[in-house]
C-alpha atoms as a PDB file:
ATOM      1  CA  MET A   1       5.996   1.718  22.000  1.00  0.00           C
ATOM      2  CA  LEU A   2       8.029   3.258  19.197  1.00  0.00           C
ATOM      3  CA  PHE A   3      10.091   0.841  17.130  1.00  0.00           C
ATOM      4  CA  THR A   4      12.974   3.265  16.592  1.00  0.00           C
ATOM      5  CA  ARG A   5      15.332   0.500  15.492  1.00  0.00           C
ATOM      6  CA  SER A   6      12.952  -0.757  12.848  1.00  0.00           C
ATOM      7  CA  THR A   7      12.747   0.318   9.239  1.00  0.00           C
ATOM      8  CA  PHE A   8       9.351   0.707   7.592  1.00  0.00           C
ATOM      9  CA  ILE A   9       9.312  -0.123   3.903  1.00  0.00           C
ATOM     10  CA  GLY A  10       6.727   0.442   1.205  1.00  0.00           C
ATOM     11  CA  ILE A  11       6.991  -1.228  -2.200  1.00  0.00           C
ATOM     12  CA  ASP A  12       4.719  -0.599  -5.180  1.00  0.00           C
ATOM     13  CA  PRO A  13       5.236  -2.970  -8.139  1.00  0.00           C
ATOM     14  CA  ALA A  14       2.672  -1.011 -10.174  1.00  0.00           C
ATOM     15  CA  ALA A  15       5.096   1.872 -10.774  1.00  0.00           C
ATOM     16  CA  GLY A  16       5.080   1.204 -14.530  1.00  0.00           C
ATOM     17  CA  ARG A  17       7.631   0.290 -17.215  1.00  0.00           C
ATOM     18  CA  GLY A  18       8.525  -2.923 -15.413  1.00  0.00           C
ATOM     19  CA  SER A  19       9.898  -1.121 -12.360  1.00  0.00           C
ATOM     20  CA  VAL A  20       8.944  -0.960  -8.696  1.00  0.00           C
ATOM     21  CA  ALA A  21       8.852   2.100  -6.458  1.00  0.00           C
ATOM     22  CA  TYR A  22      10.118   1.738  -2.915  1.00  0.00           C
ATOM     23  CA  ALA A  23      10.404   3.956   0.144  1.00  0.00           C
ATOM     24  CA  ALA A  24      11.714   3.483   3.652  1.00  0.00           C
ATOM     25  CA  LEU A  25      11.037   5.411   6.845  1.00  0.00           C
ATOM     26  CA  ASP A  26      12.763   5.234  10.200  1.00  0.00           C
ATOM     27  CA  GLY A  27      10.995   5.122  13.556  1.00  0.00           C
ATOM     28  CA  GLU A  28      10.617   8.905  13.536  1.00  0.00           C
ATOM     29  CA  LEU A  29       8.973   8.791  10.088  1.00  0.00           C
ATOM     30  CA  LYS A  30      12.022  10.298   8.432  1.00  0.00           C
ATOM     31  CA  PRO A  31      12.639   9.054   4.864  1.00  0.00           C
ATOM     32  CA  LEU A  32      15.677   6.796   4.617  1.00  0.00           C
ATOM     33  CA  ALA A  33      15.299   5.760   0.985  1.00  0.00           C
ATOM     34  CA  LEU A  34      13.086   6.635  -1.934  1.00  0.00           C
ATOM     35  CA  GLY A  35      13.572   5.278  -5.400  1.00  0.00           C
ATOM     36  CA  ARG A  36      12.330   3.468  -8.423  1.00  0.00           C
ATOM     37  CA  GLY A  37      14.134   0.594 -10.063  1.00  0.00           C
ATOM     38  CA  ARG A  38      14.252  -3.121 -10.593  1.00  0.00           C
ATOM     39  CA  LEU A  39      12.672  -5.623  -8.237  1.00  0.00           C
ATOM     40  CA  ALA A  40      16.128  -6.844  -7.200  1.00  0.00           C
ATOM     41  CA  GLU A  41      17.012  -3.385  -5.864  1.00  0.00           C
ATOM     42  CA  ALA A  42      14.013  -3.273  -3.544  1.00  0.00           C
ATOM     43  CA  LEU A  43      14.684  -6.823  -2.343  1.00  0.00           C
ATOM     44  CA  ALA A  44      18.344  -6.021  -1.723  1.00  0.00           C
ATOM     45  CA  PHE A  45      17.362  -3.056   0.416  1.00  0.00           C
ATOM     46  CA  ALA A  46      14.805  -5.100   2.355  1.00  0.00           C
ATOM     47  CA  GLY A  47      17.297  -7.899   2.837  1.00  0.00           C
ATOM     48  CA  GLY A  48      19.798  -5.489   4.366  1.00  0.00           C
ATOM     49  CA  GLN A  49      17.515  -4.486   7.245  1.00  0.00           C
ATOM     50  CA  GLN A  50      17.850  -6.154  10.629  1.00  0.00           C
ATOM     51  CA  GLU A  51      14.395  -5.192  11.863  1.00  0.00           C
ATOM     52  CA  ALA A  52      11.731  -4.069   9.398  1.00  0.00           C
ATOM     53  CA  TRP A  53       8.092  -4.048   8.419  1.00  0.00           C
ATOM     54  CA  ALA A  54       7.334  -4.089   4.705  1.00  0.00           C
ATOM     55  CA  ALA A  55       4.010  -3.212   3.070  1.00  0.00           C
ATOM     56  CA  VAL A  56       3.513  -4.292  -0.536  1.00  0.00           C
ATOM     57  CA  HIS A  57       0.926  -3.188  -3.072  1.00  0.00           C
ATOM     58  CA  GLY A  58      -0.642  -6.257  -4.608  1.00  0.00           C
ATOM     59  CA  PRO A  59      -1.766  -9.798  -3.857  1.00  0.00           C
ATOM     60  CA  SER A  60       0.236 -11.940  -1.466  1.00  0.00           C
ATOM     61  CA  GLY A  61      -1.285 -15.166  -2.742  1.00  0.00           C
ATOM     62  CA  TYR A  62      -3.882 -16.680  -5.039  1.00  0.00           C
ATOM     63  CA  ASN A  63      -7.428 -17.141  -3.870  1.00  0.00           C
ATOM     64  CA  ARG A  64      -8.161 -20.558  -2.387  1.00  0.00           C
ATOM     65  CA  GLY A  65     -11.772 -20.847  -3.378  1.00  0.00           C
ATOM     66  CA  LEU A  66     -13.215 -19.467  -0.156  1.00  0.00           C
ATOM     67  CA  MET A  67     -15.636 -17.275  -2.089  1.00  0.00           C
ATOM     68  CA  ALA A  68     -16.850 -20.325  -4.013  1.00  0.00           C
ATOM     69  CA  ASP A  69     -17.633 -22.243  -0.823  1.00  0.00           C
ATOM     70  CA  LYS A  70     -21.401 -22.265  -0.212  1.00  0.00           C
ATOM     71  CA  LYS A  71     -21.168 -22.301   3.576  1.00  0.00           C
ATOM     72  CA  ARG A  72     -18.638 -19.468   3.621  1.00  0.00           C
ATOM     73  CA  ARG A  73     -20.751 -17.378   1.237  1.00  0.00           C
ATOM     74  CA  ALA A  74     -23.922 -17.937   3.252  1.00  0.00           C
ATOM     75  CA  ALA A  75     -22.181 -16.681   6.398  1.00  0.00           C
ATOM     76  CA  LEU A  76     -21.246 -13.356   4.786  1.00  0.00           C
ATOM     77  CA  ASP A  77     -23.299 -10.270   5.538  1.00  0.00           C
ATOM     78  CA  PRO A  78     -24.509  -9.401   3.021  1.00  0.00           C
ATOM     79  CA  ALA A  79     -24.177 -12.692   1.183  1.00  0.00           C
ATOM     80  CA  PRO A  80     -23.265 -12.286  -2.504  1.00  0.00           C
ATOM     81  CA  LYS A  81     -25.840 -13.255  -5.101  1.00  0.00           C
ATOM     82  CA  PRO A  82     -25.629 -16.838  -6.440  1.00  0.00           C
ATOM     83  CA  GLY A  83     -23.065 -17.192  -9.209  1.00  0.00           C
ATOM     84  CA  GLN A  84     -21.484 -13.790  -8.589  1.00  0.00           C
ATOM     85  CA  LEU A  85     -18.115 -12.836  -7.102  1.00  0.00           C
ATOM     86  CA  LEU A  86     -16.697 -16.329  -7.115  1.00  0.00           C
ATOM     87  CA  ASN A  87     -13.149 -15.909  -8.420  1.00  0.00           C
ATOM     88  CA  LEU A  88     -11.603 -13.526  -5.896  1.00  0.00           C
ATOM     89  CA  ARG A  89     -10.325 -13.572  -2.355  1.00  0.00           C
ATOM     90  CA  LEU A  90     -12.416 -12.936   0.739  1.00  0.00           C
ATOM     91  CA  ALA A  91     -10.448  -9.738   1.482  1.00  0.00           C
ATOM     92  CA  GLU A  92     -11.264  -8.388  -1.956  1.00  0.00           C
ATOM     93  CA  TYR A  93     -14.961  -9.130  -1.479  1.00  0.00           C
ATOM     94  CA  GLU A  94     -14.974  -7.320   1.865  1.00  0.00           C
ATOM     95  CA  ILE A  95     -13.407  -4.285   0.193  1.00  0.00           C
ATOM     96  CA  LEU A  96     -15.770  -4.367  -2.792  1.00  0.00           C
ATOM     97  CA  ARG A  97     -18.832  -4.472  -0.543  1.00  0.00           C
ATOM     98  CA  GLN A  98     -17.590  -1.150   0.897  1.00  0.00           C
ATOM     99  CA  ARG A  99     -17.862   0.174  -2.674  1.00  0.00           C
ATOM    100  CA  LEU A 100     -14.110   0.570  -2.993  1.00  0.00           C
ATOM    101  CA  PRO A 101     -12.070  -0.460  -6.052  1.00  0.00           C
ATOM    102  CA  ILE A 102      -9.680  -3.369  -5.613  1.00  0.00           C
ATOM    103  CA  TYR A 103      -7.837  -5.841  -7.826  1.00  0.00           C
ATOM    104  CA  LYS A 104      -9.246  -9.374  -8.000  1.00  0.00           C
ATOM    105  CA  THR A 105      -6.957 -12.350  -7.528  1.00  0.00           C
ATOM    106  CA  PRO A 106      -7.886 -15.591  -9.358  1.00  0.00           C
ATOM    107  CA  ARG A 107      -6.904 -19.131  -8.393  1.00  0.00           C
ATOM    108  CA  THR A 108      -4.182 -19.320 -11.063  1.00  0.00           C
ATOM    109  CA  ALA A 109      -1.907 -16.888 -12.893  1.00  0.00           C
ATOM    110  CA  ASP A 110      -4.338 -16.717 -15.803  1.00  0.00           C
ATOM    111  CA  GLY A 111      -5.807 -13.245 -16.023  1.00  0.00           C
ATOM    112  CA  LEU A 112      -3.278 -11.589 -13.742  1.00  0.00           C
ATOM    113  CA  ARG A 113      -1.734  -8.323 -14.885  1.00  0.00           C
ATOM    114  CA  GLY A 114       2.034  -8.010 -15.016  1.00  0.00           C
ATOM    115  CA  TRP A 115       2.344  -5.920 -11.867  1.00  0.00           C
ATOM    116  CA  GLN A 116       0.193  -8.396  -9.935  1.00  0.00           C
ATOM    117  CA  LYS A 117       2.524 -11.223 -10.913  1.00  0.00           C
ATOM    118  CA  THR A 118       5.420  -9.072  -9.720  1.00  0.00           C
ATOM    119  CA  ALA A 119       3.600  -8.501  -6.424  1.00  0.00           C
ATOM    120  CA  LEU A 120       3.176 -12.245  -5.907  1.00  0.00           C
ATOM    121  CA  ARG A 121       6.854 -12.801  -6.644  1.00  0.00           C
ATOM    122  CA  LEU A 122       7.780  -9.962  -4.307  1.00  0.00           C
ATOM    123  CA  HIS A 123       5.788 -11.418  -1.412  1.00  0.00           C
ATOM    124  CA  GLU A 124       7.368 -14.819  -2.062  1.00  0.00           C
ATOM    125  CA  GLN A 125      10.896 -13.411  -2.049  1.00  0.00           C
ATOM    126  CA  LEU A 126      10.264 -11.301   1.050  1.00  0.00           C
ATOM    127  CA  ASP A 127       8.964 -14.405   2.796  1.00  0.00           C
ATOM    128  CA  LYS A 128      12.250 -16.157   1.990  1.00  0.00           C
ATOM    129  CA  LEU A 129      14.088 -13.182   3.497  1.00  0.00           C
ATOM    130  CA  GLY A 130      12.207 -13.706   6.748  1.00  0.00           C
ATOM    131  CA  TYR A 131       9.377 -11.223   6.232  1.00  0.00           C
ATOM    132  CA  LYS A 132       6.415 -13.224   7.522  1.00  0.00           C
ATOM    133  CA  ALA A 133       2.777 -12.262   7.087  1.00  0.00           C
ATOM    134  CA  SER A 134       1.629 -14.084  10.225  1.00  0.00           C
ATOM    135  CA  PRO A 135       4.686 -14.816  12.375  1.00  0.00           C
ATOM    136  CA  ARG A 136       4.445 -16.737  15.601  1.00  0.00           C
ATOM    137  CA  GLY A 137       5.410 -14.538  18.517  1.00  0.00           C
ATOM    138  CA  ALA A 138       7.790 -11.628  18.171  1.00  0.00           C
ATOM    139  CA  ALA A 139       9.373 -11.243  14.752  1.00  0.00           C
ATOM    140  CA  LYS A 140      12.047  -8.878  13.512  1.00  0.00           C
ATOM    141  CA  ARG A 141      10.628  -8.832  10.000  1.00  0.00           C
ATOM    142  CA  ARG A 142       6.954  -8.521   9.104  1.00  0.00           C
ATOM    143  CA  ARG A 143       5.130  -8.325   5.786  1.00  0.00           C
ATOM    144  CA  LEU A 144       1.791  -6.745   4.876  1.00  0.00           C
ATOM    145  CA  GLU A 145      -0.348  -6.522   1.766  1.00  0.00           C
ATOM    146  CA  SER A 146      -2.098  -3.256   1.041  1.00  0.00           C
ATOM    147  CA  ALA A 147      -3.261  -0.867  -1.686  1.00  0.00           C
ATOM    148  CA  PRO A 148      -1.946   2.723  -1.556  1.00  0.00           C
ATOM    149  CA  ASP A 149      -4.944   4.308  -3.270  1.00  0.00           C
ATOM    150  CA  LEU A 150      -7.229   2.755  -0.666  1.00  0.00           C
ATOM    151  CA  CYS A 151      -4.938   4.017   2.100  1.00  0.00           C
ATOM    152  CA  TYR A 152      -5.347   7.558   0.801  1.00  0.00           C
ATOM    153  CA  ARG A 153      -9.102   7.055   0.506  1.00  0.00           C
ATOM    154  CA  ARG A 154      -9.299   5.937   4.105  1.00  0.00           C
ATOM    155  CA  TRP A 155      -7.116   8.779   5.374  1.00  0.00           C
ATOM    156  CA  LEU A 156      -9.073  11.355   3.389  1.00  0.00           C
ATOM    157  CA  GLY A 157     -12.527   9.891   3.888  1.00  0.00           C
ATOM    158  CA  ARG A 158     -13.172  10.276   0.145  1.00  0.00           C
ATOM    159  CA  ALA A 159     -11.671   9.420  -3.221  1.00  0.00           C
ATOM    160  CA  PRO A 160      -8.478  11.411  -3.850  1.00  0.00           C
ATOM    161  CA  PHE A 161      -7.823  13.499  -6.924  1.00  0.00           C
ATOM    162  CA  TYR A 162      -6.271  11.877 -10.007  1.00  0.00           C
ATOM    163  CA  PRO A 163      -2.760  10.799  -8.903  1.00  0.00           C
ATOM    164  CA  HIS A 164      -0.872  12.299 -11.855  1.00  0.00           C
ATOM    165  CA  SER A 165      -2.421  15.754 -11.518  1.00  0.00           C
ATOM    166  CA  ILE A 166      -0.815  18.574  -9.546  1.00  0.00           C
ATOM    167  CA  GLU A 167      -3.772  18.665  -7.182  1.00  0.00           C
ATOM    168  CA  GLY A 168      -3.598  14.904  -6.705  1.00  0.00           C
ATOM    169  CA  ARG A 169       0.080  15.013  -5.838  1.00  0.00           C
ATOM    170  CA  LEU A 170      -0.440  17.979  -3.508  1.00  0.00           C
ATOM    171  CA  GLN A 171      -3.319  16.255  -1.778  1.00  0.00           C
ATOM    172  CA  ARG A 172      -1.417  13.029  -1.171  1.00  0.00           C
ATOM    173  CA  GLN A 173       1.685  14.827   0.078  1.00  0.00           C
ATOM    174  CA  ILE A 174      -0.468  16.859   2.487  1.00  0.00           C
ATOM    175  CA  VAL A 175      -1.896  13.596   3.846  1.00  0.00           C
ATOM    176  CA  LEU A 176       1.611  12.230   4.447  1.00  0.00           C
ATOM    177  CA  TYR A 177       2.745  15.509   6.016  1.00  0.00           C
ATOM    178  CA  ASP A 178      -0.262  15.521   8.357  1.00  0.00           C
ATOM    179  CA  LEU A 179       0.467  11.902   9.336  1.00  0.00           C
ATOM    180  CA  GLY A 180       3.868  13.049  10.539  1.00  0.00           C
ATOM    181  CA  VAL A 181       5.984  11.760   7.661  1.00  0.00           C
ATOM    182  CA  GLN A 182       8.951  14.112   7.395  1.00  0.00           C
ATOM    183  CA  VAL A 183       8.369  15.337   3.853  1.00  0.00           C
ATOM    184  CA  ALA A 184       8.505  18.944   2.696  1.00  0.00           C
ATOM    185  CA  ASP A 185       5.355  20.934   3.464  1.00  0.00           C
ATOM    186  CA  PRO A 186       3.514  20.799   0.128  1.00  0.00           C
ATOM    187  CA  MET A 187       1.775  24.093   0.860  1.00  0.00           C
ATOM    188  CA  ASN A 188       5.099  25.782   0.107  1.00  0.00           C
ATOM    189  CA  PHE A 189       4.293  24.975  -3.508  1.00  0.00           C
ATOM    190  CA  PHE A 190       1.922  27.936  -3.608  1.00  0.00           C
ATOM    191  CA  GLU A 191       4.629  30.348  -2.457  1.00  0.00           C
ATOM    192  CA  GLU A 192       6.570  29.503  -5.615  1.00  0.00           C
ATOM    193  CA  VAL A 193       3.648  30.006  -7.996  1.00  0.00           C
ATOM    194  CA  THR A 194       3.926  33.418  -9.658  1.00  0.00           C
ATOM    195  CA  ARG A 195       1.973  35.188 -12.376  1.00  0.00           C
ATOM    196  CA  HIS A 196       4.927  34.881 -14.741  1.00  0.00           C
ATOM    197  CA  ARG A 197       5.295  31.131 -14.127  1.00  0.00           C
ATOM    198  CA  LEU A 198       1.607  30.546 -14.714  1.00  0.00           C
ATOM    199  CA  LEU A 199       1.690  32.506 -17.978  1.00  0.00           C
ATOM    200  CA  GLN A 200       4.720  30.488 -19.099  1.00  0.00           C
ATOM    201  CA  GLY A 201       3.116  27.200 -18.086  1.00  0.00           C
ATOM    202  CA  ILE A 202       5.833  26.513 -15.536  1.00  0.00           C
ATOM    203  CA  LEU A 203       4.861  25.122 -12.146  1.00  0.00           C
ATOM    204  CA  PRO A 204       7.295  24.369  -9.294  1.00  0.00           C
ATOM    205  CA  ASP A 205       6.352  20.710  -9.120  1.00  0.00           C
ATOM    206  CA  GLU A 206       9.912  19.650  -8.313  1.00  0.00           C
ATOM    207  CA  MET A 207       9.017  20.006  -4.626  1.00  0.00           C
ATOM    208  CA  LEU A 208       6.249  17.422  -5.009  1.00  0.00           C
ATOM    209  CA  TYR A 209       6.804  13.675  -5.107  1.00  0.00           C
ATOM    210  CA  ARG A 210       5.836  11.646  -8.152  1.00  0.00           C
ATOM    211  CA  PRO A 211       2.742   9.400  -7.975  1.00  0.00           C
ATOM    212  CA  ALA A 212       4.716   6.156  -7.614  1.00  0.00           C
ATOM    213  CA  GLU A 213       6.835   7.701  -4.855  1.00  0.00           C
ATOM    214  CA  LEU A 214       3.718   8.888  -3.030  1.00  0.00           C
ATOM    215  CA  ASN A 215       2.324   5.358  -3.238  1.00  0.00           C
ATOM    216  CA  ALA A 216       5.490   3.858  -1.816  1.00  0.00           C
ATOM    217  CA  LEU A 217       5.565   6.443   0.992  1.00  0.00           C
ATOM    218  CA  ALA A 218       1.928   5.703   1.837  1.00  0.00           C
ATOM    219  CA  LEU A 219       2.735   1.998   2.132  1.00  0.00           C
ATOM    220  CA  ALA A 220       5.748   2.736   4.346  1.00  0.00           C
ATOM    221  CA  ALA A 221       3.571   4.963   6.553  1.00  0.00           C
ATOM    222  CA  LEU A 222       0.996   2.180   6.802  1.00  0.00           C
ATOM    223  CA  ALA A 223       3.721  -0.252   7.886  1.00  0.00           C
ATOM    224  CA  TRP A 224       4.737   2.247  10.596  1.00  0.00           C
ATOM    225  CA  LEU A 225       1.136   2.505  11.797  1.00  0.00           C
ATOM    226  CA  ALA A 226       0.717  -1.276  11.847  1.00  0.00           C
ATOM    227  CA  ALA A 227       3.776  -1.591  14.069  1.00  0.00           C
ATOM    228  CA  ASN A 228       3.274   1.413  16.332  1.00  0.00           C
ATOM    229  CA  ARG A 229      -0.466   2.128  16.324  1.00  0.00           C
ATOM    230  CA  PRO A 230      -2.127  -1.185  15.471  1.00  0.00           C
ATOM    231  CA  GLU A 231      -5.504   0.161  16.594  1.00  0.00           C
ATOM    232  CA  GLU A 232      -5.406   2.522  13.590  1.00  0.00           C
ATOM    233  CA  VAL A 233      -5.290  -0.259  10.985  1.00  0.00           C
ATOM    234  CA  GLU A 234      -7.444  -3.268  10.147  1.00  0.00           C
ATOM    235  CA  ALA A 235      -6.721  -6.524   8.336  1.00  0.00           C
ATOM    236  CA  LEU A 236      -9.479  -7.711   6.003  1.00  0.00           C
ATOM    237  CA  GLY A 237      -9.946 -11.242   4.738  1.00  0.00           C
ATOM    238  CA  ASP A 238      -8.635 -14.641   5.732  1.00  0.00           C
ATOM    239  CA  LYS A 239      -5.042 -15.367   6.723  1.00  0.00           C
ATOM    240  CA  GLN A 240      -4.850 -18.588   4.704  1.00  0.00           C
ATOM    241  CA  GLU A 241      -5.256 -16.755   1.374  1.00  0.00           C
ATOM    242  CA  GLY A 242      -3.846 -13.354   2.299  1.00  0.00           C
ATOM    243  CA  GLN A 243      -5.227 -10.386   4.194  1.00  0.00           C
ATOM    244  CA  VAL A 244      -5.281  -6.769   3.029  1.00  0.00           C
ATOM    245  CA  THR A 245      -4.264  -4.214   5.663  1.00  0.00           C
ATOM    246  CA  LEU A 246      -5.763  -0.724   5.489  1.00  0.00           C
ATOM    247  CA  PRO A 247      -6.092   2.292   7.768  1.00  0.00           C
ATOM    248  CA  GLN A 248      -9.205   2.230   9.886  1.00  0.00           C
ATOM    249  CA  ARG A 249     -12.208   4.000   8.406  1.00  0.00           C
ATOM    250  CA  LEU A 250     -12.859   7.491   9.732  1.00  0.00           C
ATOM    251  CA  ASP A 251     -16.295   6.357  10.904  1.00  0.00           C
ATOM    252  CA  GLY A 252     -14.838   3.220  12.492  1.00  0.00           C
END
């Protein structure tokens, strides 16, 4: 079933300089909004949607000590070594054991980076707007936690290029294009590269999205997949302290 009336939103509070990047796609994966600004702008956009799924980069809650519980640790496969990996959430442990990089969420605000605090505030405000992480029954507004770099890793089956490089931006935009997101074909970039431009150090990168925009678009695409192709995503961790939703592994 295609949720054509729904809007699919991606928000990245790690855009830098105290701003958030946000993107929105319609049911046909056509971009409706793409920007970078203050947290209030993203929340205002989300609040104006009747039916929407929102995916946010960053923790949706503090850890609740599950990884410090002896019985819970013993049940993990593989179980972490005694005294190690205590102050993080179960979802983060499950990601780390796949040898993937992920932020770690403590039990209090101590040690959190600024963008992580913004993510927590963002999840809280979205919840107040009716975006529920685990709603009962049908819900017009849903909320997910994810990590855009890990989404690209899963879609590619390998670590992507550095996000601020030309090749990294090309690679990520190709991924989105191949997923069906209605962005410009990034391969057209090469048609605009000439000998003269290369000698002058001028590349036609205006047709490529910026790293923060690519992150926000990846999150919006993930929200679309979660709504329309739930078999292509997985939720890691425990609901009571916040799950992390990612695309399914290529070998999964």
